[in-house]
Protein backbone atom coordinates (compact mmCIF):
# COMPACT_ATOMS: atom_id res chain seq x y z
CA MET A 1 -66.89 -112.93 81.69
CA GLU A 2 -66.06 -111.73 85.14
CA LEU A 3 -62.73 -112.15 86.87
CA ILE A 4 -62.61 -111.99 90.68
CA LEU A 5 -59.36 -111.98 92.63
CA ARG A 6 -59.53 -113.03 96.24
CA ILE A 7 -56.81 -112.64 98.83
CA ALA A 8 -56.74 -114.93 101.80
CA ASP A 9 -57.58 -112.92 104.95
CA GLU A 10 -58.13 -109.79 102.85
CA GLU A 11 -59.98 -108.15 105.77
CA LYS A 12 -56.78 -108.40 107.85
CA ALA A 13 -54.71 -106.95 105.02
CA ILE A 14 -57.09 -103.99 104.65
CA ALA A 15 -57.07 -103.42 108.44
CA ALA A 16 -53.24 -103.51 108.47
CA LEU A 17 -53.07 -100.93 105.66
CA ASP A 18 -55.55 -98.72 107.52
CA GLU A 19 -53.39 -98.95 110.65
CA LEU A 20 -50.28 -97.97 108.66
CA GLY A 21 -52.13 -94.92 107.38
CA ASP A 22 -53.22 -93.99 110.92
CA ARG A 23 -49.65 -94.36 112.24
CA ALA A 24 -48.28 -92.18 109.43
CA HIS A 25 -50.58 -89.33 110.52
CA ASP A 26 -49.44 -89.28 114.18
CA LEU A 27 -45.66 -89.39 114.45
CA LYS A 28 -45.48 -87.88 117.95
CA ARG A 29 -43.65 -90.85 119.51
CA PRO A 30 -40.74 -91.00 117.02
CA LEU A 31 -40.54 -87.19 117.00
CA GLU A 32 -40.38 -87.17 120.81
CA ASP A 33 -37.60 -89.77 120.72
CA PHE A 34 -35.72 -87.71 118.14
CA GLY A 35 -36.23 -84.51 120.18
CA GLU A 36 -34.67 -86.16 123.24
CA ARG A 37 -31.75 -87.37 121.12
CA MET A 38 -31.15 -83.89 119.68
CA VAL A 39 -31.29 -82.19 123.08
CA ARG A 40 -28.60 -84.61 124.33
CA ARG A 41 -26.42 -84.03 121.23
CA ILE A 42 -26.78 -80.24 121.39
CA ALA A 43 -26.01 -80.28 125.13
CA ARG A 44 -22.73 -82.07 124.37
CA ARG A 45 -21.82 -79.36 121.84
CA LEU A 46 -22.31 -76.73 124.53
CA SER A 47 -19.59 -78.36 126.63
CA GLY A 48 -16.90 -78.20 123.95
CA PRO A 49 -13.76 -76.13 123.79
CA ALA A 50 -15.30 -73.30 121.73
CA LEU A 51 -18.13 -72.69 124.18
CA LYS A 52 -17.03 -73.28 127.76
CA GLU A 53 -19.85 -74.10 130.13
CA ARG A 54 -19.99 -71.81 133.16
CA THR A 55 -23.42 -71.93 134.77
CA GLY A 56 -25.18 -74.60 132.71
CA ARG A 57 -28.16 -72.26 132.13
CA LEU A 58 -27.93 -72.47 128.33
CA LYS A 59 -27.69 -76.25 128.39
CA GLY A 60 -30.54 -76.41 130.90
CA SER A 61 -32.73 -74.24 128.66
CA LEU A 62 -32.76 -76.80 125.83
CA THR A 63 -36.27 -78.12 125.24
CA HIS A 64 -38.24 -80.05 122.65
CA GLU A 65 -41.94 -80.04 121.90
CA GLU A 66 -43.72 -82.25 119.43
CA THR A 67 -47.18 -82.66 117.99
CA GLY A 68 -48.43 -85.32 115.58
CA ASP A 69 -46.33 -84.01 112.70
CA THR A 70 -43.92 -81.32 113.97
CA LEU A 71 -40.93 -81.10 116.27
CA GLU A 72 -39.55 -77.89 117.75
CA ILE A 73 -36.20 -77.82 119.54
CA SER A 74 -35.29 -74.55 121.23
CA ALA A 75 -32.67 -72.94 123.45
CA GLY A 76 -33.04 -69.98 125.74
CA GLY A 77 -36.85 -69.93 125.84
CA ALA A 78 -38.63 -70.09 129.20
CA ASP A 79 -35.39 -69.80 131.19
CA GLU A 80 -34.76 -66.37 129.63
CA VAL A 81 -31.24 -67.28 128.53
CA ASP A 82 -30.90 -64.18 126.40
CA TYR A 83 -27.39 -65.05 125.20
CA ALA A 84 -28.49 -68.25 123.40
CA ALA A 85 -28.71 -66.56 119.99
CA ILE A 86 -25.44 -64.63 120.18
CA HIS A 87 -23.50 -67.82 120.92
CA HIS A 88 -25.08 -69.51 117.89
CA TYR A 89 -25.01 -66.64 115.37
CA GLY A 90 -22.26 -64.39 116.78
CA GLY A 91 -22.46 -60.62 117.06
CA THR A 92 -21.31 -57.59 118.98
CA ILE A 93 -22.31 -56.90 122.58
CA ARG A 94 -22.43 -53.29 123.82
CA PRO A 95 -23.33 -51.98 127.28
CA ARG A 96 -26.99 -51.02 127.68
CA LYS A 97 -26.97 -48.83 130.76
CA LYS A 98 -23.31 -48.14 131.54
CA LYS A 99 -20.36 -46.81 129.60
CA PHE A 100 -18.37 -50.08 129.65
CA LEU A 101 -18.85 -53.83 129.80
CA THR A 102 -17.08 -55.43 132.77
CA ILE A 103 -15.41 -58.66 131.71
CA PRO A 104 -14.15 -60.83 134.60
CA PHE A 105 -10.34 -60.91 134.57
CA PRO A 106 -9.33 -64.49 133.63
CA GLY A 107 -8.39 -66.44 136.74
CA GLY A 108 -9.26 -63.51 139.00
CA PRO A 109 -11.62 -63.46 141.97
CA ALA A 110 -14.58 -62.39 139.78
CA ASP A 111 -14.04 -65.22 137.27
CA HIS A 112 -16.37 -67.81 138.80
CA ARG A 113 -18.99 -70.20 137.55
CA VAL A 114 -21.50 -67.46 138.36
CA PRO A 115 -19.54 -64.26 137.71
CA LEU A 116 -19.59 -61.53 140.32
CA ARG A 117 -20.32 -57.90 139.53
CA ALA A 118 -17.96 -54.96 140.03
CA ALA A 119 -20.32 -53.63 142.70
CA ASP A 120 -19.70 -56.80 144.74
CA PHE A 121 -16.15 -55.66 145.54
CA ASN A 122 -14.90 -52.99 147.95
CA ASP A 123 -11.82 -50.79 147.66
CA THR A 124 -11.67 -50.77 143.86
CA PHE A 125 -10.02 -48.39 141.44
CA VAL A 126 -9.60 -48.17 137.66
CA ALA A 127 -6.24 -48.04 135.87
CA LYS A 128 -5.45 -48.71 132.20
CA GLY A 129 -8.94 -50.06 131.45
CA ILE A 130 -8.92 -52.57 134.34
CA ILE A 131 -10.80 -52.50 137.64
CA PHE A 132 -8.44 -53.46 140.46
CA GLN A 133 -9.09 -54.24 144.12
CA ASP A 134 -6.77 -52.61 146.62
CA ARG A 135 -5.86 -55.34 149.10
CA GLY A 136 -3.93 -53.25 151.56
CA GLU A 137 -0.47 -51.90 152.10
CA HIS A 138 2.45 -53.85 150.64
CA ILE A 139 0.07 -56.22 148.83
CA ARG A 140 -0.18 -55.94 145.09
CA PRO A 141 -3.63 -54.82 143.81
CA GLU A 142 -5.63 -57.64 142.22
CA PRO A 143 -7.20 -57.24 138.75
CA LEU A 144 -10.94 -57.92 138.81
CA PHE A 145 -12.48 -56.80 135.52
CA ILE A 146 -11.42 -55.63 132.08
CA LEU A 147 -13.44 -52.66 130.81
CA LYS A 148 -14.57 -52.84 127.18
CA LYS A 149 -16.81 -50.59 125.05
CA SER A 150 -17.91 -53.67 123.09
CA VAL A 151 -17.10 -57.34 122.62
CA THR A 152 -17.49 -59.27 119.38
CA ILE A 153 -18.53 -62.88 119.84
CA PRO A 154 -17.74 -65.23 116.94
CA ALA A 155 -20.49 -67.50 115.64
CA ARG A 156 -20.34 -70.90 117.33
CA PRO A 157 -23.28 -72.83 115.92
CA TYR A 158 -24.60 -75.55 118.18
CA MET A 159 -28.23 -75.88 116.99
CA TYR A 160 -27.96 -78.04 113.88
CA VAL A 161 -28.87 -81.48 112.57
CA GLU A 162 -26.20 -83.78 111.12
CA GLU A 163 -26.68 -86.35 108.36
CA SER A 164 -26.57 -89.19 110.91
CA ASP A 165 -29.44 -87.50 112.79
CA VAL A 166 -31.55 -87.39 109.62
CA ASP A 167 -30.84 -91.09 109.01
CA TYR A 168 -31.82 -91.89 112.61
CA LEU A 169 -35.11 -90.00 112.26
CA ASN A 170 -35.93 -91.62 108.90
CA ASN A 171 -35.28 -95.10 110.32
CA SER A 172 -37.29 -94.36 113.48
CA ILE A 173 -40.29 -93.17 111.48
CA ALA A 174 -40.10 -96.18 109.14
CA ASP A 175 -39.92 -98.56 112.12
CA PHE A 176 -42.80 -96.78 113.84
CA ILE A 177 -45.05 -96.91 110.78
CA ALA A 178 -44.15 -100.57 110.22
CA GLY A 179 -45.27 -101.32 113.79
CA ALA A 180 -41.87 -102.05 115.35
CA TRP A 181 -42.69 -99.61 118.19
CA SER A 182 -45.26 -101.58 120.12
């Protein structure tokens, strides 16, 4: 005795299952969507109170690249933002070529969105570990830079994925595989 089971429109069902398998192998679209979401979320973290935005270079260096099954989100890369890692992990900065680091005096003339260098100022002198600018007779000298042998930067992680991000990605992939992304 032979038992045969037939499904109505079984060719369509087999084709639909094949398409699901094909979609599961190329997840570039949902990964690209997720990469854009993460770049926006990370950019917001870079504008918080712990990490004050000055030039926007670090935020502008955020990129994402995806293939069929991988997603890479990076900071610093092509824009040569060499301070991306120290802001995330923390660490100690020491001068490379000079004896001291020159830290712009808070609120002073060198403390701008794009900081000036000590060499950009005339009539300067050093006293008590601070570079001052002499502004003339009877005018108080203005502090420009604080001299430091090193500066320790605390870790301020900004490159991370939250639980809600994982949920978003899982739902996006499920919707994509199910064909909701037409």
